[in-house]
C-alpha cells in the first residue's frame, strides 16, 4: 500500500516529533525547529566523505556559518544563514555531484521546501537579498 493521504501530494515521512511530513507538499504548520535541529544533527555533511577526520554534521556546519554571519550581519540575516540548509533535515544532504546527477526533480523539491522554511521563520527576503541560499 502506498504511503499517501487523500488531498496531499506524494508520500510522507515520519518526523522526529512523530508527525507526518510530505516533502513534495510541505506546509508551514508541519515544519518545526526541533525536527530541523534533530535532522541536521544526524545528517553527515559531504555524505561522510572528503578530508574530514570526524563526524561533521549539517547542523554543525550551519552553526559555524551563522556565527560568521553574526559577526558581519544583522540578526535576521544570521538566522537565514543558520537555516540555509534546513530543507536537508527532511530530504538529507546530497553531495553537489549527486545533486547535479539527479537533476531538477531534487532541486525543485529542495528549493520549494527551503523557501517555505525561510518564509515560515520570516527571513525569506533576507535570504534572497543576501543570496544566502545558492545551490
N, C-alpha and C. Protein backbone atom coordinates (compact mmCIF):
# COMPACT_ATOMS: atom_id res chain seq x y z
N UNK A 1 0.83 -1.18 0.00
CA UNK A 1 0.00 0.00 0.00
C UNK A 1 0.88 1.25 0.00
N UNK A 2 0.54 2.20 -0.82
CA UNK A 2 1.32 3.43 -0.91
C UNK A 2 1.06 4.32 0.30
N UNK A 3 2.09 5.02 0.72
CA UNK A 3 2.06 5.90 1.88
C UNK A 3 1.50 7.26 1.51
N UNK A 4 0.23 7.34 1.23
CA UNK A 4 -0.39 8.59 0.81
C UNK A 4 -1.59 8.91 1.69
N UNK A 5 -1.95 10.17 1.68
CA UNK A 5 -3.14 10.63 2.38
C UNK A 5 -3.94 11.46 1.40
N UNK A 6 -5.22 11.25 1.38
CA UNK A 6 -6.09 11.97 0.46
C UNK A 6 -5.92 13.48 0.61
N UNK A 7 -5.80 14.15 -0.54
CA UNK A 7 -5.65 15.60 -0.55
C UNK A 7 -4.22 16.07 -0.45
N UNK A 8 -3.27 15.18 -0.32
CA UNK A 8 -1.85 15.55 -0.23
C UNK A 8 -1.11 14.97 -1.43
N UNK A 9 0.00 15.62 -1.77
CA UNK A 9 0.81 15.20 -2.92
C UNK A 9 1.99 14.39 -2.42
N UNK A 10 2.17 13.20 -2.98
CA UNK A 10 3.31 12.37 -2.66
C UNK A 10 3.18 11.60 -1.36
N UNK A 11 4.23 10.91 -1.03
CA UNK A 11 4.29 10.12 0.20
C UNK A 11 4.81 10.96 1.35
N UNK A 12 4.59 10.48 2.56
CA UNK A 12 5.04 11.21 3.73
C UNK A 12 6.14 10.44 4.43
N UNK A 13 6.86 11.17 5.28
CA UNK A 13 7.86 10.56 6.15
C UNK A 13 7.54 10.95 7.58
N UNK A 14 7.95 10.12 8.51
CA UNK A 14 7.72 10.44 9.92
C UNK A 14 8.84 11.32 10.42
N UNK A 15 8.49 12.37 11.15
CA UNK A 15 9.48 13.30 11.70
C UNK A 15 9.92 12.84 13.08
N UNK A 16 10.95 13.49 13.59
CA UNK A 16 11.46 13.13 14.92
C UNK A 16 10.42 13.40 16.01
N UNK A 17 9.49 14.30 15.75
CA UNK A 17 8.41 14.59 16.71
C UNK A 17 7.28 13.59 16.59
N UNK A 18 7.33 12.74 15.57
CA UNK A 18 6.27 11.76 15.35
C UNK A 18 5.21 12.20 14.38
N UNK A 19 5.41 13.35 13.75
CA UNK A 19 4.45 13.86 12.79
C UNK A 19 4.65 13.29 11.40
N UNK A 20 3.71 13.60 10.52
CA UNK A 20 3.82 13.21 9.11
C UNK A 20 4.23 14.44 8.33
N UNK A 21 5.21 14.27 7.45
CA UNK A 21 5.70 15.37 6.64
C UNK A 21 5.79 14.93 5.19
N UNK A 22 5.24 15.77 4.30
CA UNK A 22 5.22 15.48 2.87
C UNK A 22 6.25 16.36 2.18
N UNK A 23 7.41 15.82 1.81
CA UNK A 23 8.46 16.64 1.19
C UNK A 23 8.02 17.32 -0.10
N UNK A 24 7.11 16.70 -0.85
CA UNK A 24 6.65 17.31 -2.10
C UNK A 24 5.39 18.14 -1.93
N UNK A 25 4.88 18.21 -0.71
CA UNK A 25 3.70 19.01 -0.40
C UNK A 25 3.84 19.58 1.01
N UNK A 26 4.92 20.34 1.23
CA UNK A 26 5.17 20.84 2.59
C UNK A 26 4.19 21.94 2.97
N UNK A 27 3.90 22.00 4.25
CA UNK A 27 3.03 23.05 4.78
C UNK A 27 3.72 23.66 6.00
N UNK A 28 3.69 24.97 6.10
CA UNK A 28 4.42 25.64 7.20
C UNK A 28 4.05 25.11 8.58
N UNK A 29 2.80 24.77 8.79
CA UNK A 29 2.38 24.29 10.11
C UNK A 29 2.93 22.92 10.45
N UNK A 30 3.55 22.25 9.49
CA UNK A 30 4.15 20.93 9.73
C UNK A 30 5.67 21.00 9.85
N UNK A 31 6.21 22.20 9.82
CA UNK A 31 7.65 22.42 9.95
C UNK A 31 7.92 22.89 11.37
N UNK A 32 8.82 22.19 12.06
CA UNK A 32 9.16 22.52 13.44
C UNK A 32 10.67 22.62 13.60
N UNK A 33 11.10 23.63 14.35
CA UNK A 33 12.53 23.85 14.54
C UNK A 33 13.19 22.64 15.20
N UNK A 34 12.46 21.93 16.06
CA UNK A 34 13.04 20.74 16.71
C UNK A 34 13.30 19.63 15.69
N UNK A 35 12.40 19.47 14.71
CA UNK A 35 12.64 18.50 13.64
C UNK A 35 13.84 18.91 12.80
N UNK A 36 13.95 20.20 12.52
CA UNK A 36 15.08 20.70 11.74
C UNK A 36 16.38 20.44 12.49
N UNK A 37 16.43 20.82 13.76
CA UNK A 37 17.65 20.63 14.55
C UNK A 37 18.04 19.16 14.64
N UNK A 38 17.08 18.30 14.90
CA UNK A 38 17.36 16.87 15.01
C UNK A 38 17.84 16.29 13.68
N UNK A 39 17.13 16.61 12.61
CA UNK A 39 17.50 16.08 11.30
C UNK A 39 18.88 16.52 10.86
N UNK A 40 19.21 17.80 11.06
CA UNK A 40 20.52 18.30 10.63
C UNK A 40 21.64 17.77 11.50
N UNK A 41 21.36 17.54 12.79
CA UNK A 41 22.39 17.00 13.69
C UNK A 41 22.75 15.56 13.32
N UNK A 42 21.79 14.84 12.76
CA UNK A 42 22.02 13.44 12.42
C UNK A 42 22.44 13.24 10.96
N UNK A 43 22.52 14.32 10.19
CA UNK A 43 22.87 14.24 8.77
C UNK A 43 24.34 14.62 8.60
N UNK A 44 25.13 13.70 8.10
CA UNK A 44 26.56 13.94 7.93
C UNK A 44 26.83 14.73 6.65
N UNK A 45 27.55 15.82 6.82
CA UNK A 45 27.90 16.68 5.69
C UNK A 45 28.83 15.93 4.73
N UNK A 46 28.73 16.26 3.46
CA UNK A 46 29.57 15.67 2.40
C UNK A 46 29.39 14.16 2.27
N UNK A 47 28.24 13.64 2.71
CA UNK A 47 27.98 12.20 2.70
C UNK A 47 29.05 11.43 3.47
N UNK A 48 29.69 12.10 4.42
CA UNK A 48 30.74 11.48 5.22
C UNK A 48 32.07 11.35 4.49
N UNK A 49 32.16 11.97 3.33
CA UNK A 49 33.38 11.89 2.53
C UNK A 49 34.18 13.19 2.64
N UNK A 50 35.26 13.25 1.93
CA UNK A 50 36.10 14.44 1.96
C UNK A 50 37.23 14.29 2.96
N UNK A 51 37.97 15.34 3.12
CA UNK A 51 39.13 15.29 4.01
C UNK A 51 38.72 15.75 5.41
N UNK A 52 37.91 14.94 6.03
CA UNK A 52 37.50 15.21 7.40
C UNK A 52 37.88 14.01 8.25
N UNK A 53 38.22 14.27 9.49
CA UNK A 53 38.68 13.19 10.36
C UNK A 53 37.69 12.87 11.48
N UNK A 54 36.48 13.40 11.35
CA UNK A 54 35.46 13.15 12.36
C UNK A 54 34.08 13.38 11.74
N UNK A 55 33.07 13.02 12.49
CA UNK A 55 31.70 13.26 12.05
C UNK A 55 31.45 14.77 12.01
N UNK A 56 31.01 15.26 10.87
CA UNK A 56 30.74 16.69 10.71
C UNK A 56 29.31 16.83 10.21
N UNK A 57 28.42 17.22 11.10
CA UNK A 57 27.00 17.27 10.75
C UNK A 57 26.65 18.55 10.00
N UNK A 58 25.53 18.50 9.32
CA UNK A 58 25.00 19.69 8.65
C UNK A 58 24.65 20.74 9.70
N UNK A 59 24.20 20.30 10.88
CA UNK A 59 23.89 21.25 11.97
C UNK A 59 25.14 22.01 12.40
N UNK A 60 26.25 21.31 12.56
CA UNK A 60 27.49 21.99 12.95
C UNK A 60 27.93 22.98 11.88
N UNK A 61 27.85 22.57 10.63
CA UNK A 61 28.18 23.47 9.53
C UNK A 61 27.30 24.72 9.58
N UNK A 62 26.00 24.53 9.78
CA UNK A 62 25.07 25.66 9.83
C UNK A 62 25.40 26.59 10.99
N UNK A 63 25.76 26.02 12.11
CA UNK A 63 26.14 26.81 13.29
C UNK A 63 27.37 27.67 12.99
N UNK A 64 28.41 27.06 12.42
CA UNK A 64 29.64 27.81 12.10
C UNK A 64 29.35 28.95 11.12
N UNK A 65 28.55 28.67 10.12
CA UNK A 65 28.20 29.70 9.15
C UNK A 65 27.43 30.84 9.81
N UNK A 66 26.50 30.49 10.69
CA UNK A 66 25.69 31.51 11.38
C UNK A 66 26.55 32.36 12.32
N UNK A 67 27.52 31.75 12.98
CA UNK A 67 28.40 32.52 13.86
C UNK A 67 29.24 33.51 13.05
N UNK A 68 29.68 33.09 11.88
CA UNK A 68 30.41 34.01 10.99
C UNK A 68 29.49 35.16 10.57
N UNK A 69 28.27 34.82 10.17
CA UNK A 69 27.31 35.85 9.74
C UNK A 69 26.98 36.79 10.88
N UNK A 70 26.88 36.26 12.08
CA UNK A 70 26.55 37.08 13.25
C UNK A 70 27.57 38.20 13.47
N UNK A 71 28.81 37.93 13.13
CA UNK A 71 29.87 38.94 13.29
C UNK A 71 29.80 40.03 12.22
N UNK A 72 29.12 39.74 11.11
CA UNK A 72 29.13 40.65 9.97
C UNK A 72 27.77 41.15 9.51
N UNK A 73 26.70 40.56 10.04
CA UNK A 73 25.35 40.87 9.53
C UNK A 73 24.38 41.07 10.69
N UNK A 74 23.17 41.48 10.35
CA UNK A 74 22.15 41.63 11.38
C UNK A 74 21.55 40.27 11.76
N UNK A 75 20.71 40.28 12.79
CA UNK A 75 20.16 39.05 13.34
C UNK A 75 19.32 38.27 12.33
N UNK A 76 18.54 38.96 11.50
CA UNK A 76 17.69 38.25 10.53
C UNK A 76 18.53 37.55 9.46
N UNK A 77 19.58 38.20 9.02
CA UNK A 77 20.46 37.54 8.05
C UNK A 77 21.15 36.36 8.71
N UNK A 78 21.58 36.52 9.95
CA UNK A 78 22.22 35.41 10.68
C UNK A 78 21.27 34.22 10.81
N UNK A 79 19.99 34.49 11.08
CA UNK A 79 19.01 33.41 11.16
C UNK A 79 18.83 32.74 9.81
N UNK A 80 18.79 33.52 8.75
CA UNK A 80 18.68 32.95 7.40
C UNK A 80 19.87 32.04 7.11
N UNK A 81 21.06 32.48 7.51
CA UNK A 81 22.26 31.66 7.31
C UNK A 81 22.16 30.38 8.14
N UNK A 82 21.71 30.50 9.39
CA UNK A 82 21.55 29.31 10.23
C UNK A 82 20.61 28.30 9.57
N UNK A 83 19.59 28.79 8.90
CA UNK A 83 18.58 27.92 8.27
C UNK A 83 18.89 27.57 6.82
N UNK A 84 20.04 27.96 6.29
CA UNK A 84 20.29 27.83 4.85
C UNK A 84 20.25 26.40 4.33
N UNK A 85 20.45 25.41 5.17
CA UNK A 85 20.36 24.01 4.76
C UNK A 85 19.20 23.29 5.46
N UNK A 86 18.25 24.03 6.01
CA UNK A 86 17.17 23.43 6.81
C UNK A 86 16.35 22.40 6.04
N UNK A 87 16.18 22.58 4.75
CA UNK A 87 15.42 21.60 3.96
C UNK A 87 16.05 20.22 4.06
N UNK A 88 17.36 20.18 4.24
CA UNK A 88 18.07 18.90 4.32
C UNK A 88 17.70 18.10 5.55
N UNK A 89 17.06 18.73 6.53
CA UNK A 89 16.56 18.00 7.69
C UNK A 89 15.49 17.00 7.28
N UNK A 90 14.80 17.31 6.20
CA UNK A 90 13.71 16.47 5.72
C UNK A 90 14.09 15.64 4.50
N UNK A 91 15.06 16.09 3.72
CA UNK A 91 15.39 15.38 2.48
C UNK A 91 16.86 14.98 2.40
N UNK A 92 17.61 15.17 3.45
CA UNK A 92 19.03 14.83 3.56
C UNK A 92 19.92 15.70 2.68
N UNK A 93 21.16 15.76 3.10
CA UNK A 93 22.20 16.46 2.35
C UNK A 93 22.72 15.51 1.27
N UNK A 94 22.75 15.97 0.07
CA UNK A 94 23.37 15.21 -1.01
C UNK A 94 24.60 15.97 -1.47
N UNK A 95 25.68 15.27 -1.73
CA UNK A 95 26.85 15.96 -2.29
C UNK A 95 26.48 16.63 -3.62
N UNK A 96 27.13 17.74 -3.90
CA UNK A 96 26.84 18.51 -5.10
C UNK A 96 26.86 17.64 -6.37
N UNK A 97 27.83 16.75 -6.47
CA UNK A 97 27.92 15.89 -7.65
C UNK A 97 26.67 15.03 -7.82
N UNK A 98 26.11 14.57 -6.71
CA UNK A 98 24.89 13.75 -6.76
C UNK A 98 23.69 14.63 -7.12
N UNK A 99 23.62 15.83 -6.51
CA UNK A 99 22.52 16.75 -6.84
C UNK A 99 22.49 17.05 -8.33
N UNK A 100 23.66 17.27 -8.91
CA UNK A 100 23.72 17.55 -10.34
C UNK A 100 23.31 16.34 -11.17
N UNK A 101 23.69 15.15 -10.71
CA UNK A 101 23.34 13.93 -11.43
C UNK A 101 21.85 13.63 -11.34
N UNK A 102 21.25 13.88 -10.20
CA UNK A 102 19.83 13.61 -10.00
C UNK A 102 18.98 14.58 -10.82
N UNK A 103 19.40 15.82 -10.87
CA UNK A 103 18.73 16.78 -11.74
C UNK A 103 17.67 17.62 -11.06
N UNK A 104 16.79 18.15 -11.90
CA UNK A 104 15.84 19.17 -11.48
C UNK A 104 14.78 18.69 -10.49
N UNK A 105 14.48 17.41 -10.46
CA UNK A 105 13.46 16.92 -9.54
C UNK A 105 13.83 17.18 -8.10
N UNK A 106 15.03 16.79 -7.72
CA UNK A 106 15.50 17.01 -6.34
C UNK A 106 15.60 18.51 -6.06
N UNK A 107 16.19 19.25 -6.99
CA UNK A 107 16.37 20.69 -6.80
C UNK A 107 15.04 21.39 -6.60
N UNK A 108 14.05 21.00 -7.34
CA UNK A 108 12.72 21.60 -7.22
C UNK A 108 12.14 21.36 -5.83
N UNK A 109 12.22 20.12 -5.35
CA UNK A 109 11.72 19.79 -4.01
C UNK A 109 12.51 20.57 -2.96
N UNK A 110 13.83 20.58 -3.08
CA UNK A 110 14.69 21.27 -2.11
C UNK A 110 14.41 22.77 -2.09
N UNK A 111 14.36 23.39 -3.27
CA UNK A 111 14.14 24.84 -3.33
C UNK A 111 12.78 25.23 -2.76
N UNK A 112 11.74 24.48 -3.11
CA UNK A 112 10.39 24.77 -2.60
C UNK A 112 10.36 24.67 -1.08
N UNK A 113 10.92 23.60 -0.55
CA UNK A 113 10.94 23.40 0.89
C UNK A 113 11.80 24.44 1.59
N UNK A 114 12.97 24.72 1.05
CA UNK A 114 13.86 25.71 1.67
C UNK A 114 13.21 27.09 1.72
N UNK A 115 12.59 27.49 0.63
CA UNK A 115 11.93 28.80 0.61
C UNK A 115 10.76 28.86 1.59
N UNK A 116 10.04 27.74 1.74
CA UNK A 116 8.95 27.71 2.71
C UNK A 116 9.48 27.86 4.13
N UNK A 117 10.61 27.22 4.42
CA UNK A 117 11.21 27.35 5.75
C UNK A 117 11.65 28.78 6.00
N UNK A 118 12.32 29.39 5.02
CA UNK A 118 12.70 30.80 5.16
C UNK A 118 11.47 31.66 5.42
N UNK A 119 10.39 31.43 4.69
CA UNK A 119 9.18 32.22 4.86
C UNK A 119 8.56 31.99 6.24
N UNK A 120 8.53 30.74 6.68
CA UNK A 120 7.95 30.44 7.99
C UNK A 120 8.67 31.19 9.10
N UNK A 121 9.99 31.26 9.00
CA UNK A 121 10.78 31.93 10.04
C UNK A 121 11.07 33.39 9.70
N UNK A 122 10.33 33.89 8.72
CA UNK A 122 10.32 35.31 8.34
C UNK A 122 11.70 35.86 7.95
N UNK A 123 12.46 35.07 7.19
CA UNK A 123 13.77 35.53 6.71
C UNK A 123 13.93 35.31 5.21
N UNK A 124 12.82 35.09 4.49
CA UNK A 124 12.91 34.85 3.05
C UNK A 124 13.53 36.04 2.33
N UNK A 125 13.10 37.25 2.64
CA UNK A 125 13.66 38.44 1.98
C UNK A 125 15.15 38.57 2.25
N UNK A 126 15.56 38.34 3.49
CA UNK A 126 16.98 38.42 3.83
C UNK A 126 17.78 37.35 3.08
N UNK A 127 17.22 36.17 2.98
CA UNK A 127 17.91 35.08 2.27
C UNK A 127 18.07 35.42 0.79
N UNK A 128 17.01 35.93 0.18
CA UNK A 128 17.07 36.27 -1.24
C UNK A 128 17.97 37.48 -1.49
N UNK A 129 17.82 38.51 -0.68
CA UNK A 129 18.61 39.74 -0.85
C UNK A 129 20.10 39.48 -0.67
N UNK A 130 20.45 38.64 0.29
CA UNK A 130 21.85 38.36 0.61
C UNK A 130 22.39 37.09 -0.02
N UNK A 131 21.59 36.50 -0.91
CA UNK A 131 21.99 35.27 -1.62
C UNK A 131 22.47 34.19 -0.65
N UNK A 132 21.69 34.00 0.41
CA UNK A 132 22.05 33.03 1.45
C UNK A 132 21.94 31.61 0.91
N UNK A 133 20.97 31.37 0.06
CA UNK A 133 20.71 30.01 -0.42
C UNK A 133 20.98 29.94 -1.91
N UNK A 134 22.18 29.58 -2.24
CA UNK A 134 22.55 29.40 -3.65
C UNK A 134 23.15 28.01 -3.77
N UNK A 135 22.50 27.16 -4.52
CA UNK A 135 22.99 25.79 -4.65
C UNK A 135 23.22 25.47 -6.10
